[in-house]
PDB file of N, CA and C in Angstrom:
ATOM      1  N   MET A   1     102.147  97.322 113.046  1.00  0.00           N
ATOM      2  CA  MET A   1     101.642  98.261 112.080  1.00  0.00           C
ATOM      3  C   MET A   1     100.183  98.546 112.421  1.00  0.00           C
ATOM      4  N   ARG A   2      99.828  99.817 112.317  1.00  0.00           N
ATOM      5  CA  ARG A   2      98.438 100.216 112.582  1.00  0.00           C
ATOM      6  C   ARG A   2      97.695 100.333 111.257  1.00  0.00           C
ATOM      7  N   LEU A   3      96.522  99.703 111.187  1.00  0.00           N
ATOM      8  CA  LEU A   3      95.650  99.787 110.029  1.00  0.00           C
ATOM      9  C   LEU A   3      94.424 100.592 110.412  1.00  0.00           C
ATOM     10  N   LEU A   4      94.039 101.522 109.541  1.00  0.00           N
ATOM     11  CA  LEU A   4      92.862 102.356 109.752  1.00  0.00           C
ATOM     12  C   LEU A   4      91.874 102.098 108.624  1.00  0.00           C
ATOM     13  N   TYR A   5      90.601 102.010 108.972  1.00  0.00           N
ATOM     14  CA  TYR A   5      89.557 101.759 107.978  1.00  0.00           C
ATOM     15  C   TYR A   5      88.510 102.859 108.077  1.00  0.00           C
ATOM     16  N   PHE A   6      88.069 103.357 106.925  1.00  0.00           N
ATOM     17  CA  PHE A   6      87.113 104.453 106.892  1.00  0.00           C
ATOM     18  C   PHE A   6      85.879 104.105 106.067  1.00  0.00           C
ATOM     19  N   ALA A   7      84.770 104.768 106.391  1.00  0.00           N
ATOM     20  CA  ALA A   7      83.495 104.687 105.659  1.00  0.00           C
ATOM     21  C   ALA A   7      83.032 103.236 105.539  1.00  0.00           C
ATOM     22  N   TRP A   8      82.605 102.818 104.332  1.00  0.00           N
ATOM     23  CA  TRP A   8      82.044 101.472 104.209  1.00  0.00           C
ATOM     24  C   TRP A   8      83.094 100.382 104.376  1.00  0.00           C
ATOM     25  N   VAL A   9      84.370 100.691 104.211  1.00  0.00           N
ATOM     26  CA  VAL A   9      85.419  99.690 104.486  1.00  0.00           C
ATOM     27  C   VAL A   9      85.357  99.338 105.974  1.00  0.00           C
ATOM     28  N   ARG A  10      85.265 100.358 106.823  1.00  0.00           N
ATOM     29  CA  ARG A  10      85.160 100.165 108.274  1.00  0.00           C
ATOM     30  C   ARG A  10      83.888  99.391 108.621  1.00  0.00           C
ATOM     31  N   GLU A  11      82.791  99.735 107.976  1.00  0.00           N
ATOM     32  CA  GLU A  11      81.519  99.077 108.278  1.00  0.00           C
ATOM     33  C   GLU A  11      81.558  97.585 107.949  1.00  0.00           C
ATOM     34  N   LYS A  12      82.142  97.234 106.828  1.00  0.00           N
ATOM     35  CA  LYS A  12      82.189  95.817 106.436  1.00  0.00           C
ATOM     36  C   LYS A  12      83.134  95.010 107.321  1.00  0.00           C
ATOM     37  N   ILE A  13      84.264  95.623 107.711  1.00  0.00           N
ATOM     38  CA  ILE A  13      85.233  94.922 108.557  1.00  0.00           C
ATOM     39  C   ILE A  13      84.767  94.889 110.002  1.00  0.00           C
ATOM     40  N   GLY A  14      84.102  95.958 110.430  1.00  0.00           N
ATOM     41  CA  GLY A  14      83.623  96.031 111.805  1.00  0.00           C
ATOM     42  C   GLY A  14      84.623  96.653 112.765  1.00  0.00           C
ATOM     43  N   LEU A  15      85.669  97.254 112.221  1.00  0.00           N
ATOM     44  CA  LEU A  15      86.690  97.904 113.041  1.00  0.00           C
ATOM     45  C   LEU A  15      87.081  99.231 112.406  1.00  0.00           C
ATOM     46  N   ALA A  16      87.425 100.197 113.236  1.00  0.00           N
ATOM     47  CA  ALA A  16      87.948 101.458 112.720  1.00  0.00           C
ATOM     48  C   ALA A  16      89.467 101.402 112.633  1.00  0.00           C
ATOM     49  N   THR A  17      90.073 100.645 113.524  1.00  0.00           N
ATOM     50  CA  THR A  17      91.528 100.532 113.561  1.00  0.00           C
ATOM     51  C   THR A  17      91.924  99.195 114.172  1.00  0.00           C
ATOM     52  N   GLU A  18      93.106  98.740 113.816  1.00  0.00           N
ATOM     53  CA  GLU A  18      93.672  97.550 114.444  1.00  0.00           C
ATOM     54  C   GLU A  18      95.179  97.561 114.252  1.00  0.00           C
ATOM     55  N   ASP A  19      95.875  96.924 115.173  1.00  0.00           N
ATOM     56  CA  ASP A  19      97.317  96.768 115.080  1.00  0.00           C
ATOM     57  C   ASP A  19      97.595  95.324 114.686  1.00  0.00           C
ATOM     58  N   VAL A  20      98.441  95.147 113.664  1.00  0.00           N
ATOM     59  CA  VAL A  20      98.742  93.802 113.168  1.00  0.00           C
ATOM     60  C   VAL A  20     100.242  93.637 112.998  1.00  0.00           C
ATOM     61  N   ASP A  21     100.682  92.395 113.055  1.00  0.00           N
ATOM     62  CA  ASP A  21     102.046  92.023 112.698  1.00  0.00           C
ATOM     63  C   ASP A  21     101.967  91.392 111.319  1.00  0.00           C
ATOM     64  N   LEU A  22     102.547  92.055 110.341  1.00  0.00           N
ATOM     65  CA  LEU A  22     102.464  91.548 108.971  1.00  0.00           C
ATOM     66  C   LEU A  22     103.427  90.404 108.740  1.00  0.00           C
ATOM     67  N   PRO A  23     103.018  89.410 107.967  1.00  0.00           N
ATOM     68  CA  PRO A  23     103.936  88.345 107.585  1.00  0.00           C
ATOM     69  C   PRO A  23     105.078  88.932 106.747  1.00  0.00           C
ATOM     70  N   PRO A  24     106.237  88.322 106.763  1.00  0.00           N
ATOM     71  CA  PRO A  24     107.386  88.853 106.026  1.00  0.00           C
ATOM     72  C   PRO A  24     107.155  88.983 104.515  1.00  0.00           C
ATOM     73  N   ASP A  25     106.276  88.170 103.957  1.00  0.00           N
ATOM     74  CA  ASP A  25     106.058  88.207 102.506  1.00  0.00           C
ATOM     75  C   ASP A  25     105.071  89.302 102.084  1.00  0.00           C
ATOM     76  N   VAL A  26     104.515  90.044 103.027  1.00  0.00           N
ATOM     77  CA  VAL A  26     103.597  91.137 102.698  1.00  0.00           C
ATOM     78  C   VAL A  26     104.428  92.415 102.611  1.00  0.00           C
ATOM     79  N   ALA A  27     104.822  92.779 101.389  1.00  0.00           N
ATOM     80  CA  ALA A  27     105.736  93.906 101.193  1.00  0.00           C
ATOM     81  C   ALA A  27     105.102  95.086 100.470  1.00  0.00           C
ATOM     82  N   THR A  28     103.923  94.900  99.883  1.00  0.00           N
ATOM     83  CA  THR A  28     103.260  95.984  99.150  1.00  0.00           C
ATOM     84  C   THR A  28     101.828  96.139  99.658  1.00  0.00           C
ATOM     85  N   VAL A  29     101.224  97.253  99.321  1.00  0.00           N
ATOM     86  CA  VAL A  29      99.824  97.470  99.689  1.00  0.00           C
ATOM     87  C   VAL A  29      98.958  96.390  99.059  1.00  0.00           C
ATOM     88  N   GLU A  30      99.227  96.057  97.827  1.00  0.00           N
ATOM     89  CA  GLU A  30      98.471  95.021  97.115  1.00  0.00           C
ATOM     90  C   GLU A  30      98.562  93.678  97.842  1.00  0.00           C
ATOM     91  N   ALA A  31      99.753  93.312  98.301  1.00  0.00           N
ATOM     92  CA  ALA A  31      99.931  92.060  99.047  1.00  0.00           C
ATOM     93  C   ALA A  31      99.219  92.125 100.395  1.00  0.00           C
ATOM     94  N   LEU A  32      99.208  93.303 101.008  1.00  0.00           N
ATOM     95  CA  LEU A  32      98.498  93.474 102.274  1.00  0.00           C
ATOM     96  C   LEU A  32      97.002  93.259 102.078  1.00  0.00           C
ATOM     97  N   VAL A  33      96.451  93.814 101.028  1.00  0.00           N
ATOM     98  CA  VAL A  33      95.025  93.631 100.743  1.00  0.00           C
ATOM     99  C   VAL A  33      94.715  92.151 100.537  1.00  0.00           C
ATOM    100  N   ALA A  34      95.547  91.444  99.790  1.00  0.00           N
ATOM    101  CA  ALA A  34      95.338  90.009  99.571  1.00  0.00           C
ATOM    102  C   ALA A  34      95.383  89.254 100.899  1.00  0.00           C
ATOM    103  N   TRP A  35      96.302  89.614 101.768  1.00  0.00           N
ATOM    104  CA  TRP A  35      96.417  88.981 103.081  1.00  0.00           C
ATOM    105  C   TRP A  35      95.185  89.285 103.931  1.00  0.00           C
ATOM    106  N   LEU A  36      94.745  90.547 103.916  1.00  0.00           N
ATOM    107  CA  LEU A  36      93.570  90.927 104.691  1.00  0.00           C
ATOM    108  C   LEU A  36      92.328  90.171 104.231  1.00  0.00           C
ATOM    109  N   LYS A  37      92.168  90.000 102.927  1.00  0.00           N
ATOM    110  CA  LYS A  37      90.990  89.298 102.393  1.00  0.00           C
ATOM    111  C   LYS A  37      90.865  87.885 102.949  1.00  0.00           C
ATOM    112  N   GLN A  38      91.975  87.280 103.336  1.00  0.00           N
ATOM    113  CA  GLN A  38      91.962  85.917 103.866  1.00  0.00           C
ATOM    114  C   GLN A  38      91.638  85.866 105.358  1.00  0.00           C
ATOM    115  N   ARG A  39      91.504  87.033 105.996  1.00  0.00           N
ATOM    116  CA  ARG A  39      91.283  87.081 107.445  1.00  0.00           C
ATOM    117  C   ARG A  39      89.833  86.911 107.849  1.00  0.00           C
ATOM    118  N   GLY A  40      88.917  86.887 106.887  1.00  0.00           N
ATOM    119  CA  GLY A  40      87.520  86.670 107.251  1.00  0.00           C
ATOM    120  C   GLY A  40      86.572  87.298 106.262  1.00  0.00           C
ATOM    121  N   GLU A  41      85.300  86.994 106.455  1.00  0.00           N
ATOM    122  CA  GLU A  41      84.260  87.419 105.521  1.00  0.00           C
ATOM    123  C   GLU A  41      84.165  88.938 105.391  1.00  0.00           C
ATOM    124  N   GLY A  42      84.221  89.652 106.510  1.00  0.00           N
ATOM    125  CA  GLY A  42      84.129  91.111 106.465  1.00  0.00           C
ATOM    126  C   GLY A  42      85.255  91.728 105.659  1.00  0.00           C
ATOM    127  N   TYR A  43      86.464  91.221 105.845  1.00  0.00           N
ATOM    128  CA  TYR A  43      87.614  91.712 105.086  1.00  0.00           C
ATOM    129  C   TYR A  43      87.449  91.394 103.599  1.00  0.00           C
ATOM    130  N   ASP A  44      87.003  90.174 103.325  1.00  0.00           N
ATOM    131  CA  ASP A  44      86.808  89.765 101.934  1.00  0.00           C
ATOM    132  C   ASP A  44      85.776  90.658 101.251  1.00  0.00           C
ATOM    133  N   GLU A  45      84.710  90.998 101.966  1.00  0.00           N
ATOM    134  CA  GLU A  45      83.689  91.889 101.402  1.00  0.00           C
ATOM    135  C   GLU A  45      84.235  93.310 101.206  1.00  0.00           C
ATOM    136  N   ALA A  46      84.979  93.801 102.192  1.00  0.00           N
ATOM    137  CA  ALA A  46      85.508  95.165 102.118  1.00  0.00           C
ATOM    138  C   ALA A  46      86.459  95.336 100.941  1.00  0.00           C
ATOM    139  N   PHE A  47      87.221  94.295 100.634  1.00  0.00           N
ATOM    140  CA  PHE A  47      88.212  94.382  99.566  1.00  0.00           C
ATOM    141  C   PHE A  47      87.824  93.544  98.345  1.00  0.00           C
ATOM    142  N   ALA A  48      86.525  93.283  98.180  1.00  0.00           N
ATOM    143  CA  ALA A  48      86.055  92.488  97.036  1.00  0.00           C
ATOM    144  C   ALA A  48      86.413  93.157  95.711  1.00  0.00           C
ATOM    145  N   ARG A  49      86.421  94.479  95.699  1.00  0.00           N
ATOM    146  CA  ARG A  49      86.827  95.243  94.509  1.00  0.00           C
ATOM    147  C   ARG A  49      88.009  96.129  94.909  1.00  0.00           C
ATOM    148  N   PRO A  50      89.204  95.537  95.029  1.00  0.00           N
ATOM    149  CA  PRO A  50      90.344  96.281  95.562  1.00  0.00           C
ATOM    150  C   PRO A  50      90.725  97.516  94.743  1.00  0.00           C
ATOM    151  N   GLN A  51      90.366  97.542  93.478  1.00  0.00           N
ATOM    152  CA  GLN A  51      90.691  98.700  92.652  1.00  0.00           C
ATOM    153  C   GLN A  51      89.909  99.945  93.069  1.00  0.00           C
ATOM    154  N   VAL A  52      88.850  99.765  93.849  1.00  0.00           N
ATOM    155  CA  VAL A  52      88.023 100.882  94.299  1.00  0.00           C
ATOM    156  C   VAL A  52      88.547 101.474  95.607  1.00  0.00           C
ATOM    157  N   VAL A  53      89.133 100.650  96.448  1.00  0.00           N
ATOM    158  CA  VAL A  53      89.604 101.091  97.760  1.00  0.00           C
ATOM    159  C   VAL A  53      90.941 101.819  97.607  1.00  0.00           C
ATOM    160  N   ARG A  54      91.038 102.987  98.224  1.00  0.00           N
ATOM    161  CA  ARG A  54      92.266 103.786  98.203  1.00  0.00           C
ATOM    162  C   ARG A  54      93.077 103.491  99.463  1.00  0.00           C
ATOM    163  N   ALA A  55      94.390 103.747  99.366  1.00  0.00           N
ATOM    164  CA  ALA A  55      95.272 103.520 100.513  1.00  0.00           C
ATOM    165  C   ALA A  55      96.201 104.707 100.703  1.00  0.00           C
ATOM    166  N   ALA A  56      96.589 104.908 101.951  1.00  0.00           N
ATOM    167  CA  ALA A  56      97.576 105.928 102.288  1.00  0.00           C
ATOM    168  C   ALA A  56      98.567 105.325 103.276  1.00  0.00           C
ATOM    169  N   LEU A  57      99.846 105.501 102.992  1.00  0.00           N
ATOM    170  CA  LEU A  57     100.914 105.073 103.895  1.00  0.00           C
ATOM    171  C   LEU A  57     101.375 106.304 104.662  1.00  0.00           C
ATOM    172  N   ASP A  58     101.279 106.260 105.962  1.00  0.00           N
ATOM    173  CA  ASP A  58     101.669 107.400 106.789  1.00  0.00           C
ATOM    174  C   ASP A  58     101.118 108.709 106.225  1.00  0.00           C
ATOM    175  N   LYS A  59      99.833 108.695 105.875  1.00  0.00           N
ATOM    176  CA  LYS A  59      99.055 109.850 105.412  1.00  0.00           C
ATOM    177  C   LYS A  59      99.430 110.350 104.015  1.00  0.00           C
ATOM    178  N   VAL A  60     100.114 109.515 103.229  1.00  0.00           N
ATOM    179  CA  VAL A  60     100.439 109.856 101.844  1.00  0.00           C
ATOM    180  C   VAL A  60      99.748 108.846 100.932  1.00  0.00           C
ATOM    181  N   HIS A  61      98.909 109.321 100.035  1.00  0.00           N
ATOM    182  CA  HIS A  61      98.196 108.433  99.118  1.00  0.00           C
ATOM    183  C   HIS A  61      99.190 107.681  98.242  1.00  0.00           C
ATOM    184  N   VAL A  62      98.929 106.382  98.058  1.00  0.00           N
ATOM    185  CA  VAL A  62      99.820 105.533  97.272  1.00  0.00           C
ATOM    186  C   VAL A  62      99.026 104.607  96.367  1.00  0.00           C
ATOM    187  N   LYS A  63      99.715 104.046  95.396  1.00  0.00           N
ATOM    188  CA  LYS A  63      99.129 103.043  94.502  1.00  0.00           C
ATOM    189  C   LYS A  63      99.260 101.668  95.146  1.00  0.00           C
ATOM    190  N   PRO A  64      98.465 100.693  94.675  1.00  0.00           N
ATOM    191  CA  PRO A  64      98.540  99.344  95.247  1.00  0.00           C
ATOM    192  C   PRO A  64      99.935  98.712  95.159  1.00  0.00           C
ATOM    193  N   SER A  65     100.713  99.102  94.178  1.00  0.00           N
ATOM    194  CA  SER A  65     102.046  98.516  94.012  1.00  0.00           C
ATOM    195  C   SER A  65     103.080  99.123  94.958  1.00  0.00           C
ATOM    196  N   ALA A  66     102.702 100.119  95.762  1.00  0.00           N
ATOM    197  CA  ALA A  66     103.648 100.791  96.654  1.00  0.00           C
ATOM    198  C   ALA A  66     104.196  99.843  97.714  1.00  0.00           C
ATOM    199  N   ALA A  67     105.485  99.960  97.950  1.00  0.00           N
ATOM    200  CA  ALA A  67     106.129  99.177  99.003  1.00  0.00           C
ATOM    201  C   ALA A  67     105.731  99.731 100.365  1.00  0.00           C
ATOM    202  N   ILE A  68     105.454  98.845 101.289  1.00  0.00           N
ATOM    203  CA  ILE A  68     105.085  99.249 102.636  1.00  0.00           C
ATOM    204  C   ILE A  68     106.306  99.785 103.382  1.00  0.00           C
ATOM    205  N   GLY A  69     107.443  99.153 103.192  1.00  0.00           N
ATOM    206  CA  GLY A  69     108.676  99.611 103.818  1.00  0.00           C
ATOM    207  C   GLY A  69     108.536  99.771 105.318  1.00  0.00           C
ATOM    208  N   ALA A  70     108.952 100.933 105.830  1.00  0.00           N
ATOM    209  CA  ALA A  70     108.934 101.199 107.263  1.00  0.00           C
ATOM    210  C   ALA A  70     107.694 101.978 107.698  1.00  0.00           C
ATOM    211  N   ALA A  71     106.656 101.966 106.873  1.00  0.00           N
ATOM    212  CA  ALA A  71     105.426 102.688 107.227  1.00  0.00           C
ATOM    213  C   ALA A  71     104.903 102.203 108.576  1.00  0.00           C
ATOM    214  N   ARG A  72     104.359 103.134 109.336  1.00  0.00           N
ATOM    215  CA  ARG A  72     103.800 102.768 110.641  1.00  0.00           C
ATOM    216  C   ARG A  72     102.286 102.722 110.624  1.00  0.00           C
ATOM    217  N   GLU A  73     101.686 103.316 109.582  1.00  0.00           N
ATOM    218  CA  GLU A  73     100.228 103.381 109.515  1.00  0.00           C
ATOM    219  C   GLU A  73      99.777 103.273 108.066  1.00  0.00           C
ATOM    220  N   ILE A  74      98.757 102.457 107.844  1.00  0.00           N
ATOM    221  CA  ILE A  74      98.153 102.339 106.522  1.00  0.00           C
ATOM    222  C   ILE A  74      96.652 102.542 106.684  1.00  0.00           C
ATOM    223  N   ALA A  75      96.119 103.483 105.916  1.00  0.00           N
ATOM    224  CA  ALA A  75      94.686 103.775 105.960  1.00  0.00           C
ATOM    225  C   ALA A  75      94.033 103.303 104.671  1.00  0.00           C
ATOM    226  N   PHE A  76      92.845 102.738 104.797  1.00  0.00           N
ATOM    227  CA  PHE A  76      92.064 102.288 103.647  1.00  0.00           C
ATOM    228  C   PHE A  76      90.728 103.010 103.648  1.00  0.00           C
ATOM    229  N   PHE A  77      90.343 103.515 102.487  1.00  0.00           N
ATOM    230  CA  PHE A  77      89.095 104.273 102.382  1.00  0.00           C
ATOM    231  C   PHE A  77      88.567 104.227 100.951  1.00  0.00           C
ATOM    232  N   PRO A  78      87.251 104.356 100.799  1.00  0.00           N
ATOM    233  CA  PRO A  78      86.680 104.406  99.448  1.00  0.00           C
ATOM    234  C   PRO A  78      86.951 105.792  98.840  1.00  0.00           C
ATOM    235  N   PRO A  79      86.814 105.908  97.527  1.00  0.00           N
ATOM    236  CA  PRO A  79      87.005 107.227  96.916  1.00  0.00           C
ATOM    237  C   PRO A  79      85.956 108.203  97.444  1.00  0.00           C
ATOM    238  N   VAL A  80      86.349 109.433  97.537  1.00  0.00           N
ATOM    239  CA  VAL A  80      85.455 110.476  98.047  1.00  0.00           C
ATOM    240  C   VAL A  80      84.857 111.237  96.879  1.00  0.00           C
ATOM    241  N   THR A  81      83.558 111.429  96.946  1.00  0.00           N
ATOM    242  CA  THR A  81      82.897 112.237  95.925  1.00  0.00           C
ATOM    243  C   THR A  81      82.156 113.355  96.618  1.00  0.00           C
ATOM    244  N   GLY A  82      81.897 114.369  95.889  1.00  0.00           N
ATOM    245  CA  GLY A  82      81.196 115.486  96.499  1.00  0.00           C
ATOM    246  C   GLY A  82      80.478 116.300  95.426  1.00  0.00           C
ATOM    247  N   GLY A  83      79.708 117.249  95.852  1.00  0.00           N
ATOM    248  CA  GLY A  83      78.953 118.040  94.913  1.00  0.00           C
ATOM    249  C   GLY A  83      79.147 119.499  95.075  1.00  0.00           C
TER     250      GLY A  83
END
């Protein structure tokens, strides 16, 4: 599975993208975030407030409770604001 990180999520993790093999018990976006937080300090900082970080499965925005299923790409990004 390919993970993409944008804006300050990318800055805290130190990567723009990575390919990972998810454990079998990681079935939702919420579970993925919990798993990522355990991978190191940068991940823990990036997802310290998981309710703020948005996710998209194969370029479709989803809620944290969304099942990952057969998704090939998950993107994480902060909310976008503009003027």
